[in-house]
Protein backbone atom coordinates (compact mmCIF):
# COMPACT_ATOMS: atom_id res chain seq x y z
CA MET A 1 -46.55 14.33 5.51
CA ALA A 2 -46.44 11.02 7.95
CA ASP A 3 -42.66 9.50 8.72
CA GLN A 4 -41.32 7.17 6.09
CA PRO A 5 -41.26 3.76 7.98
CA ASN A 6 -37.07 2.80 8.31
CA ALA A 7 -35.83 0.57 5.80
CA PRO A 8 -34.66 -2.43 7.54
CA GLN A 9 -30.86 -2.64 8.36
CA ALA A 10 -28.68 -4.44 6.10
CA PRO A 11 -26.67 -7.65 7.49
CA TRP A 12 -23.80 -6.54 7.00
CA SER A 13 -21.53 -3.92 8.85
CA ALA A 14 -22.45 -0.31 9.09
CA GLN A 15 -19.00 0.66 6.77
CA ALA A 16 -20.10 -1.65 4.34
CA GLN A 17 -22.60 -0.36 3.43
CA ILE A 18 -21.15 2.78 3.30
CA ALA A 19 -19.35 1.59 0.57
CA LEU A 20 -22.32 0.36 -1.17
CA ASP A 21 -23.97 3.74 -1.06
CA VAL A 22 -21.20 5.56 -2.55
CA THR A 23 -20.42 3.82 -5.76
CA GLN A 24 -22.36 2.43 -8.46
CA PRO A 25 -22.20 -0.21 -11.02
CA LEU A 26 -19.56 -0.63 -13.24
CA ARG A 27 -20.05 0.56 -16.72
CA PHE A 28 -16.86 -1.18 -18.43
CA PRO A 29 -16.19 -4.47 -16.92
CA ARG A 30 -12.88 -4.76 -14.91
CA ALA A 31 -12.30 -8.17 -17.43
CA GLY A 32 -10.16 -10.32 -14.69
CA ARG A 33 -8.21 -7.56 -13.62
CA LEU A 34 -7.61 -6.75 -9.89
CA PRO A 35 -10.32 -5.36 -7.64
CA LEU A 36 -10.51 -2.09 -5.38
CA PHE A 37 -9.39 -3.48 -1.77
CA ALA A 38 -11.01 -0.84 0.93
CA GLN A 39 -10.96 -1.10 4.70
CA PRO A 40 -14.41 -0.25 4.90
CA THR A 41 -15.24 -3.62 2.77
CA SER A 42 -13.27 -5.42 5.17
CA ASP A 43 -14.69 -7.63 8.52
CA PRO A 44 -18.69 -6.92 7.03
CA GLY A 45 -19.92 -8.92 9.95
CA VAL A 46 -20.69 -13.07 10.65
CA LEU A 47 -23.27 -13.35 7.31
CA ASP A 48 -25.03 -16.24 7.00
CA GLU A 49 -24.90 -17.83 2.81
CA ALA A 50 -27.35 -15.39 0.96
CA ALA A 51 -26.00 -12.40 2.36
CA ALA A 52 -22.82 -13.51 2.07
CA HIS A 53 -23.33 -14.16 -1.65
CA ARG A 54 -25.11 -10.92 -2.04
CA LEU A 55 -22.74 -8.79 -0.27
CA VAL A 56 -19.81 -10.18 -2.57
CA ALA A 57 -21.68 -9.71 -5.54
CA GLU A 58 -23.00 -6.37 -5.13
CA LEU A 59 -20.16 -5.13 -4.20
CA ASP A 60 -18.08 -6.68 -7.36
CA ALA A 61 -20.59 -5.46 -9.24
CA ARG A 62 -18.69 -2.25 -8.38
CA GLY A 63 -15.44 -3.71 -8.89
CA LEU A 64 -14.24 -3.87 -4.92
CA ALA A 65 -13.52 -6.84 -3.25
CA VAL A 66 -14.29 -7.96 0.00
CA ILE A 67 -11.60 -9.16 3.02
CA CYS A 68 -11.66 -11.22 6.25
CA SER A 69 -9.49 -11.41 9.15
CA TRP A 70 -7.74 -13.82 10.76
CA TRP A 71 -7.40 -13.96 14.11
CA PRO A 72 -5.26 -16.49 15.40
CA GLU A 73 -6.88 -15.79 19.16
CA ARG A 74 -10.09 -16.01 17.79
CA ARG A 75 -9.85 -18.83 15.18
CA GLU A 76 -13.18 -19.82 15.28
CA GLU A 77 -14.55 -16.86 15.04
CA SER A 78 -12.53 -15.54 12.07
CA LEU A 79 -14.04 -18.91 9.88
CA ALA A 80 -17.71 -18.14 10.88
CA ARG A 81 -16.73 -14.51 9.68
CA GLY A 82 -14.57 -15.39 6.81
CA LEU A 83 -15.74 -19.12 5.04
CA PRO A 84 -19.04 -17.40 4.08
CA ILE A 85 -17.56 -14.72 2.26
CA ALA A 86 -14.56 -16.91 0.78
CA ARG A 87 -17.49 -19.17 -0.39
CA ALA A 88 -19.01 -16.78 -2.45
CA GLN A 89 -15.64 -15.50 -3.82
CA ARG A 90 -15.27 -18.88 -4.82
CA ASP A 91 -18.47 -19.39 -6.43
CA LEU A 92 -18.36 -16.10 -8.40
CA GLY A 93 -14.88 -16.66 -9.78
CA LEU A 94 -13.32 -13.91 -7.44
CA LEU A 95 -10.23 -13.81 -5.71
CA VAL A 96 -10.79 -15.10 -2.36
CA SER A 97 -9.18 -12.50 0.15
CA VAL A 98 -7.59 -12.15 3.56
CA ASN A 99 -5.76 -10.29 5.98
CA ALA A 100 -3.15 -11.87 8.32
CA THR A 101 -2.17 -9.27 10.09
CA SER A 102 -3.24 -10.10 13.64
CA CYS A 103 -1.01 -13.46 13.16
CA MET A 104 2.13 -11.45 12.61
CA TYR A 105 2.17 -9.90 15.64
CA SER A 106 4.13 -9.92 17.40
CA PHE A 107 8.06 -11.53 17.61
CA PHE A 108 8.95 -9.30 20.42
CA ASP A 109 5.87 -10.09 22.63
CA GLY A 110 7.55 -8.73 25.68
CA ASP A 111 9.59 -11.63 26.72
CA PRO A 112 12.61 -11.17 29.02
CA ALA A 113 14.06 -13.55 26.57
CA THR A 114 14.31 -11.04 23.47
CA ALA A 115 15.80 -8.03 25.42
CA HIS A 116 18.92 -6.62 24.63
CA ILE A 117 21.77 -7.30 26.83
CA ASP A 118 24.27 -4.32 27.60
CA ASP A 119 28.18 -5.14 29.03
CA GLN A 120 27.24 -5.93 32.26
CA GLY A 121 24.88 -8.51 31.32
CA ARG A 122 21.63 -6.42 31.66
CA PRO A 123 18.70 -6.50 29.71
CA PHE A 124 17.14 -3.48 28.05
CA PHE A 125 14.86 -2.85 25.51
CA ASP A 126 14.49 0.22 22.59
CA GLU A 127 12.76 2.69 24.09
CA SER A 128 12.11 4.39 20.62
CA LEU A 129 10.05 2.40 18.73
CA TRP A 130 6.57 3.78 19.67
CA ARG A 131 6.26 0.05 21.25
CA PRO A 132 7.70 -0.98 24.80
CA GLU A 133 8.69 -4.42 24.15
CA MET A 134 10.87 -4.12 20.84
CA GLY A 135 14.65 -5.47 21.59
CA CYS A 136 17.26 -7.94 20.24
CA PRO A 137 16.35 -9.10 16.72
CA PHE A 138 18.53 -11.97 17.13
CA THR A 139 16.28 -13.58 19.93
CA LEU A 140 13.51 -14.12 17.43
CA ASP A 141 14.18 -17.89 15.88
CA PRO A 142 11.39 -19.53 18.52
CA ARG A 143 9.13 -16.93 17.93
CA ARG A 144 8.96 -18.36 14.31
CA PRO A 145 7.34 -21.31 14.76
CA VAL A 146 4.48 -19.70 16.68
CA ILE A 147 3.99 -17.11 14.14
CA ARG A 148 4.37 -19.97 11.26
CA GLU A 149 1.78 -22.51 12.98
CA ARG A 150 -0.85 -19.46 12.95
CA ILE A 151 -1.16 -19.32 9.05
CA GLU A 152 -1.06 -22.91 8.38
CA PHE A 153 -3.94 -23.29 11.05
CA PHE A 154 -6.22 -20.67 8.47
CA CYS A 155 -4.24 -22.37 5.09
CA GLU A 156 -5.01 -26.04 6.01
CA ALA A 157 -8.90 -24.41 7.37
CA TYR A 158 -9.76 -22.91 4.28
CA ALA A 159 -7.97 -25.96 1.73
CA ALA A 160 -10.11 -28.15 3.89
CA ALA A 161 -13.09 -26.47 2.79
CA GLY A 162 -12.21 -26.65 -0.73
CA LEU A 163 -10.82 -22.70 -1.10
CA GLN A 164 -8.22 -21.26 -2.27
CA VAL A 165 -6.44 -17.81 -1.08
CA GLY A 166 -5.84 -15.65 -3.90
CA PHE A 167 -4.31 -12.24 -2.08
CA ALA A 168 -3.38 -12.59 1.62
CA TRP A 169 -1.99 -8.51 3.11
CA SER A 170 -0.81 -7.88 6.27
CA ASP A 171 0.21 -4.66 8.38
CA TRP A 172 3.31 -5.70 10.28
CA GLU A 173 5.36 -2.87 10.88
CA ILE A 174 6.73 -2.25 14.21
CA ASP A 175 8.00 -5.26 14.95
CA GLY A 176 11.12 -7.38 14.15
CA PRO A 177 14.68 -6.31 13.13
CA LEU A 178 14.24 -2.89 12.70
CA GLU A 179 16.76 0.33 12.26
CA ILE A 180 14.82 3.64 11.94
CA ASN A 181 14.45 5.77 15.43
CA ARG A 182 17.24 5.18 18.06
CA ALA A 183 17.46 1.47 16.91
CA HIS A 184 21.30 1.99 15.78
CA ASP A 185 22.17 2.98 18.94
CA PHE A 186 20.54 0.56 21.33
CA ALA A 187 21.55 -2.59 19.18
CA ARG A 188 25.39 -1.01 19.42
CA ARG A 189 25.04 -1.31 23.41
CA CYS A 190 23.66 -4.78 22.48
CA VAL A 191 26.59 -7.34 22.82
CA ARG A 192 24.40 -9.54 20.97
CA CYS A 193 24.05 -7.25 18.24
CA ARG A 194 27.80 -6.21 18.15
CA ALA A 195 28.34 -9.99 17.99
CA HIS A 196 26.37 -10.69 15.34
CA VAL A 197 26.65 -7.65 13.06
CA PRO A 198 30.59 -7.33 12.79
CA ASP A 199 30.67 -3.81 11.41
CA ILE A 200 27.50 -2.62 13.40
CA ASP A 201 29.07 0.43 14.03
CA HIS A 202 28.46 1.81 9.84
CA PHE A 203 24.68 2.27 9.66
CA VAL A 204 23.86 0.96 6.30
CA SER A 205 25.52 -2.38 7.52
CA PHE A 206 23.26 -2.07 10.21
CA GLN A 207 20.12 -1.39 7.82
CA ARG A 208 21.35 -4.24 5.60
CA ALA A 209 21.65 -6.86 8.20
CA MET A 210 18.18 -5.77 10.12
CA ARG A 211 16.20 -5.68 6.35
CA GLN A 212 17.62 -8.95 4.90
CA MET A 213 16.54 -10.39 9.07
CA ARG A 214 13.39 -8.71 8.16
CA ALA A 215 12.73 -9.89 4.63
CA PHE A 216 13.71 -14.03 5.77
CA LEU A 217 11.24 -13.60 8.84
CA GLN A 218 8.05 -12.86 6.65
CA PHE A 219 9.27 -15.15 4.44
CA ASP A 220 9.77 -18.02 6.26
CA THR A 221 6.30 -17.37 8.71
CA TYR A 222 4.05 -15.67 6.42
CA ALA A 223 4.92 -15.83 2.72
CA ARG A 224 5.91 -19.80 2.23
CA PRO A 225 3.09 -21.12 4.19
CA LEU A 226 0.65 -19.69 2.47
CA LEU A 227 2.52 -19.85 -1.27
CA ALA A 228 2.92 -23.34 -0.43
CA ARG A 229 -0.67 -24.07 0.42
CA PHE A 230 -1.95 -21.93 -2.67
CA PRO A 231 1.07 -21.38 -4.95
CA ARG A 232 -0.89 -19.02 -7.73
CA ALA A 233 -1.90 -16.53 -4.46
CA LEU A 234 -0.60 -12.86 -4.35
CA VAL A 235 0.87 -12.12 -0.78
CA GLY A 236 2.51 -9.18 0.47
CA ASN A 237 3.13 -6.65 3.55
CA TYR A 238 2.31 -3.17 3.66
CA ALA A 239 5.36 -0.88 2.85
CA VAL A 240 7.20 -3.76 1.22
CA TYR A 241 8.33 -3.10 -2.43
CA PRO A 242 10.66 -2.71 -4.83
CA HIS A 243 12.21 0.95 -5.71
CA ASP A 244 15.07 2.89 -6.35
CA GLY A 245 17.46 2.95 -3.27
CA PHE A 246 15.29 5.69 -1.38
CA ARG A 247 12.71 5.77 0.43
CA TYR A 248 9.60 9.26 0.02
CA TRP A 249 7.59 8.72 2.99
CA PHE A 250 8.05 8.55 7.17
CA ASP A 251 5.53 6.22 9.03
CA PHE A 252 3.63 7.61 11.96
CA PHE A 253 6.24 6.48 14.43
CA GLU A 254 9.02 7.88 12.85
CA PRO A 255 10.70 11.29 13.27
CA LEU A 256 11.68 13.13 10.61
CA ASP A 257 14.97 13.46 11.88
CA PHE A 258 17.76 11.00 11.62
CA PRO A 259 21.58 11.46 12.05
CA ASP A 260 23.15 13.95 9.66
CA GLU A 261 25.89 10.49 8.15
CA GLN A 262 22.98 8.35 7.34
CA PRO A 263 22.36 8.43 3.23
CA HIS A 264 19.53 10.38 2.34
CA VAL A 265 18.73 12.74 -0.60
CA VAL A 266 17.51 16.38 0.11
CA ASP A 267 14.18 17.43 -1.32
CA GLN A 268 13.34 21.16 -0.59
CA HIS A 269 13.01 20.95 3.64
CA VAL A 270 12.48 17.09 3.73
CA ARG A 271 15.09 14.48 3.95
CA TYR A 272 14.72 10.94 2.17
CA ARG A 273 16.40 7.86 3.78
CA ALA A 274 18.26 5.63 1.59
CA TRP A 275 16.63 2.76 2.09
CA TYR A 276 17.63 -1.34 0.90
CA ASP A 277 15.98 -3.61 -0.92
CA ASP A 278 14.26 -6.27 0.61
CA PHE A 279 11.53 -7.30 -1.46
CA PRO A 280 13.30 -10.17 -3.01
CA GLY A 281 13.99 -11.88 0.04
CA THR A 282 10.58 -11.91 1.48
CA GLY A 283 9.34 -14.76 -1.51
CA TYR A 284 6.08 -11.65 -1.48
CA THR A 285 4.08 -12.07 -5.15
CA TYR A 286 3.02 -8.14 -5.01
CA ALA A 287 4.30 -4.88 -4.33
CA MET A 288 2.66 -2.51 -1.36
CA PRO A 289 4.05 0.84 -1.11
CA VAL A 290 1.90 3.18 1.00
CA VAL A 291 0.46 7.04 -0.83
CA TYR A 292 -0.73 9.00 1.90
CA ALA A 293 -1.20 12.19 2.93
CA TRP A 294 0.90 12.25 5.63
CA HIS A 295 0.62 15.27 7.96
CA TRP A 296 4.62 15.91 7.86
CA ILE A 297 4.33 16.59 3.67
CA TYR A 298 2.81 20.02 3.76
CA GLY A 299 5.93 21.69 5.74
CA ALA A 300 8.36 19.38 3.95
CA TYR A 301 7.80 22.09 0.85
CA ASP A 302 6.90 25.71 0.18
CA PHE A 303 5.58 25.90 -3.06
CA ALA A 304 2.29 28.53 -3.01
CA ASN A 305 0.13 25.94 -4.57
CA THR A 306 -0.91 23.88 -1.84
CA ASP A 307 -2.18 20.70 -3.66
CA TYR A 308 1.26 20.59 -5.59
CA ARG A 309 3.32 19.96 -2.05
CA TRP A 310 1.21 17.01 -2.13
CA PHE A 311 1.08 15.77 -5.18
CA ARG A 312 4.41 15.63 -5.21
CA ASN A 313 5.64 13.43 -2.68
CA MET A 314 2.44 10.77 -3.15
CA LEU A 315 3.65 10.74 -6.60
CA LEU A 316 7.08 10.18 -5.95
CA VAL A 317 6.11 7.12 -4.00
CA ALA A 318 3.96 5.84 -6.29
CA SER A 319 6.41 6.03 -9.66
CA ASN A 320 9.30 4.45 -7.15
CA ALA A 321 7.34 1.73 -6.48
CA GLY A 322 5.82 1.70 -10.43
CA LYS A 323 9.14 1.63 -12.08
CA SER A 324 10.97 -0.48 -9.70
CA THR A 325 9.21 -3.37 -9.79
CA PRO A 326 9.06 -6.07 -12.46
CA VAL A 327 5.95 -6.34 -14.76
CA GLN A 328 4.74 -9.38 -13.96
CA ILE A 329 4.40 -8.28 -10.00
CA PRO A 330 1.33 -6.48 -9.41
CA VAL A 331 1.38 -3.46 -7.51
CA VAL A 332 -1.39 -2.90 -5.20
CA ALA A 333 -0.78 0.69 -3.93
CA PHE A 334 -2.22 1.97 -0.13
CA VAL A 335 -3.91 5.40 -0.79
CA HIS A 336 -5.36 8.23 1.19
CA LYS A 337 -5.95 11.36 0.50
CA ASN A 338 -7.43 12.99 3.59
CA PRO A 339 -3.45 14.11 6.15
CA ILE A 340 -2.98 11.76 8.31
CA ALA A 341 -0.87 11.64 11.39
CA ALA A 342 -0.26 14.95 12.84
CA PRO A 343 2.51 14.66 15.31
CA GLU A 344 1.29 15.46 18.82
CA GLY A 345 0.27 19.02 20.26
CA VAL A 346 0.70 20.15 16.43
CA THR A 347 -1.98 22.94 16.13
CA GLU A 348 -1.45 24.73 13.00
CA PRO A 349 -3.54 23.73 10.30
CA VAL A 350 -2.81 22.47 6.50
CA GLN A 351 -4.64 23.02 3.32
CA PRO A 352 -5.73 19.41 2.53
CA MET A 353 -5.36 17.89 -0.86
CA SER A 354 -8.33 19.31 -3.17
CA ALA A 355 -10.27 16.68 -4.43
CA TRP A 356 -9.17 17.34 -7.80
CA ALA A 357 -5.81 16.33 -7.05
CA TYR A 358 -5.93 13.60 -5.18
CA GLN A 359 -8.19 12.34 -8.38
CA GLU A 360 -5.40 12.79 -10.55
CA LEU A 361 -2.92 11.49 -8.70
CA LEU A 362 -5.09 7.93 -8.83
CA TRP A 363 -5.03 8.74 -12.56
CA HIS A 364 -0.93 9.19 -12.66
CA MET A 365 -0.67 5.95 -10.25
CA LEU A 366 -2.37 4.00 -12.90
CA LEU A 367 -0.58 5.52 -15.49
CA ARG A 368 3.01 4.78 -13.57
CA GLY A 369 2.68 1.01 -12.65
CA VAL A 370 0.26 0.72 -9.48
CA ASP A 371 -2.64 -2.01 -10.49
CA THR A 372 -4.71 -1.01 -8.24
CA PHE A 373 -5.30 0.76 -4.85
CA PHE A 374 -6.50 -0.27 -1.09
CA VAL A 375 -8.01 2.78 0.53
CA TRP A 376 -7.07 2.95 3.60
CA CYS A 377 -9.71 4.95 6.07
CA GLY A 378 -12.65 4.51 8.26
CA GLY A 379 -15.25 6.35 10.42
CA GLU A 380 -16.70 9.50 8.98
CA GLU A 381 -13.97 9.77 6.37
CA SER A 382 -14.70 6.38 4.06
CA ALA A 383 -17.88 7.95 2.28
CA GLU A 384 -15.24 10.42 0.87
CA GLU A 385 -12.16 8.28 0.20
CA VAL A 386 -14.28 4.88 -1.17
CA ARG A 387 -16.26 7.55 -3.34
CA LEU A 388 -12.95 9.26 -4.66
CA ALA A 389 -10.68 6.67 -5.27
CA HIS A 390 -13.67 3.94 -6.46
CA GLU A 391 -14.75 6.85 -9.44
CA VAL A 392 -11.20 6.74 -10.62
CA TYR A 393 -11.06 3.03 -10.29
CA ALA A 394 -14.43 2.55 -12.18
CA ALA A 395 -13.33 4.99 -15.12
CA ALA A 396 -9.95 3.55 -15.98
CA GLN A 397 -11.69 0.21 -16.36
CA GLU A 398 -12.75 2.11 -19.95
CA TYR A 399 -9.17 1.18 -21.04
CA GLY A 400 -8.93 -1.97 -20.16
CA ALA A 401 -6.46 -2.82 -23.11
CA PHE A 402 -3.60 -0.76 -21.65
CA LEU A 403 -4.54 -1.36 -17.70
CA ASP A 404 -3.21 -5.09 -19.07
CA ARG A 405 -1.04 -5.23 -21.78
CA GLY A 406 -0.17 -1.43 -21.77
CA VAL A 407 4.32 -0.67 -20.31
CA PRO A 408 4.51 2.99 -18.27
CA VAL A 409 7.25 5.10 -19.35
CA LEU A 410 6.85 8.08 -17.89
CA PHE A 411 7.67 8.33 -13.94
CA ASP A 412 9.52 12.49 -14.21
CA VAL A 413 7.86 14.38 -11.02
CA PRO A 414 8.75 18.01 -12.01
CA ALA A 415 10.55 19.77 -9.04
CA ALA A 416 7.98 22.41 -8.69
CA PRO A 417 4.40 23.01 -9.61
CA GLY A 418 4.33 22.74 -13.47
CA THR A 419 2.96 20.09 -16.09
CA VAL A 420 2.86 16.50 -15.07
CA VAL A 421 2.68 13.57 -17.84
CA SER A 422 2.26 9.95 -17.32
CA ALA A 423 2.00 7.23 -20.17
CA LEU A 424 1.14 3.81 -20.82
CA VAL A 425 2.11 2.28 -24.40
CA LEU A 426 0.12 -0.34 -26.02
CA ASP A 427 1.88 -1.11 -29.28
CA ASP A 428 2.13 2.25 -31.31
CA LYS A 429 -0.36 4.17 -29.03
CA ALA A 430 0.00 5.51 -25.18
CA LEU A 431 -2.65 6.51 -22.79
CA VAL A 432 -1.39 9.92 -22.10
CA ARG A 433 -2.52 11.84 -18.74
CA ARG A 434 -1.42 15.38 -18.98
CA THR A 435 -2.41 17.68 -15.36
CA ASP A 436 -1.40 21.35 -15.17
CA PHE A 437 -0.42 22.72 -11.69
CA ALA A 438 0.95 26.14 -13.39
CA GLY A 439 -1.87 27.45 -15.20
CA HIS A 440 0.29 26.22 -18.88
CA GLY A 441 -1.97 25.25 -21.85
CA ALA A 442 0.18 24.71 -24.96
CA PRO A 443 0.78 21.92 -25.80
CA VAL A 444 4.32 20.03 -24.55
CA GLU A 445 6.62 17.41 -25.57
CA VAL A 446 7.08 14.32 -23.95
CA THR A 447 9.75 11.65 -25.08
CA ILE A 448 8.65 8.04 -25.38
CA GLY A 449 11.40 5.59 -26.85
CA SER A 450 13.40 7.47 -29.45
CA ARG A 451 10.01 9.09 -30.43
CA VAL A 452 9.18 12.96 -29.59
CA CYS A 453 4.83 13.09 -28.73
CA ALA A 454 3.32 16.28 -28.52
CA VAL A 455 0.63 16.24 -25.68
CA ALA A 456 -2.47 18.99 -25.38
CA ALA A 457 -3.70 20.07 -22.62
CA ALA A 458 -7.26 18.10 -22.22
CA PRO A 459 -7.96 18.84 -18.83
CA GLY A 460 -9.96 15.58 -16.28
CA ARG A 461 -9.48 13.17 -19.22
CA CYS A 462 -7.10 10.59 -20.99
CA GLN A 463 -5.60 10.81 -24.05
CA VAL A 464 -4.96 8.30 -26.56
CA VAL A 465 -2.20 9.68 -28.57
CA ASP A 466 -0.28 8.22 -32.00
CA MET A 467 3.37 8.21 -31.22
CA GLY A 468 4.11 9.28 -34.81
CA PRO A 469 6.53 12.37 -34.55
CA ALA A 470 4.89 15.17 -32.62
CA SER A 471 1.46 13.95 -33.43
CA ALA A 472 -1.41 16.11 -31.12
CA GLY A 473 -3.21 13.35 -28.32
CA GLN A 474 -6.67 13.31 -29.38
CA GLY A 475 -8.95 13.49 -26.35
CA GLN A 476 -10.97 10.31 -25.63
């Protein structure tokens, strides 16, 4: 048989095409609920108006959003890429979605004036924070108008084009005031830091000061200018979300060991640090927890059921955000299935989370207050990561009334493999997901408010449960 001619190459990026290839149009309409965000559908290239409209429409049929980045060093290119997409989003009644990460970097730009100063007047930088130019947080006021101008430029350009930004995110994490790694030790050597934080020897006081400053910088340079121009926009940042006072994850640049005197809770072989709630000070209008399969999670627990090692930690993070975030604040959770950020030199293999366990996790997240996902991936991982998240997102739209108006009520994460139950309550019904990690098949009772409900095993399915006393779930 003669070779078939190659299909014409799509005008958009290969990653965007992967997202189209591994997903199908929604069977159930999302009816105004937040779309599924995914890195592969970001920055699809310079498209003409027709191609932009086609791509946005085809992805929207699948519930997927397109995000375009603002690059302050390439402003005209950013507008050439972003405005056709934004016009298509506007014309289709969708959120105009942007990535402001590049605008935020960097407050610490390497200027010697931003260094710490020791008792002899010698400048020095924090050597523990991955970026070598991390210095004194009390030197950053001159950087505020620089960062703010970048955001304002793009806001004005979009407004001048008749476009309203509806969703903005940023991945601002390794910059500005931080208290992790050895930042506390470096700050105690700095005469300026000691002058501004009189009780700097107490870690909790130092953490509070750093987080309050960090929140203000995000508010002043990012959230406030965006919301001043687009008051209904959803604005947020990686890893900033309301919580219960603890942080159940570590970023790729953070070691798991920290001084014993820093407040924490112990969970098997890992310590989770006490965390300052900086969300209110940012002015953000949505929460953005990070639910990743960090490589370290595998060794943090010793469950023989290795799926549950990942599941427990990742559901702790999601439940923390879901139970702590006010109902009027959407929760957009970063998600990633495959192990990420293996420490340098580590060769011991880990057993990845199964596709089944990951999709069960995503279902439980939706029933614990998470509104949608942001799939963080690229390269060869994109097909699997997008497909698995999209399958859950698409199927969940069947329960639109619960997603829109249901109240999450169950947040317990069993300390050992067992039965996990999550629920959204709407009127006298509950949308329930039950997942069993220990082979238990008998009905389990859960308390919702003052009512005790029996939840039968229903592998791979949600149930709508009548919240009468000890009523059995009916599979849907």
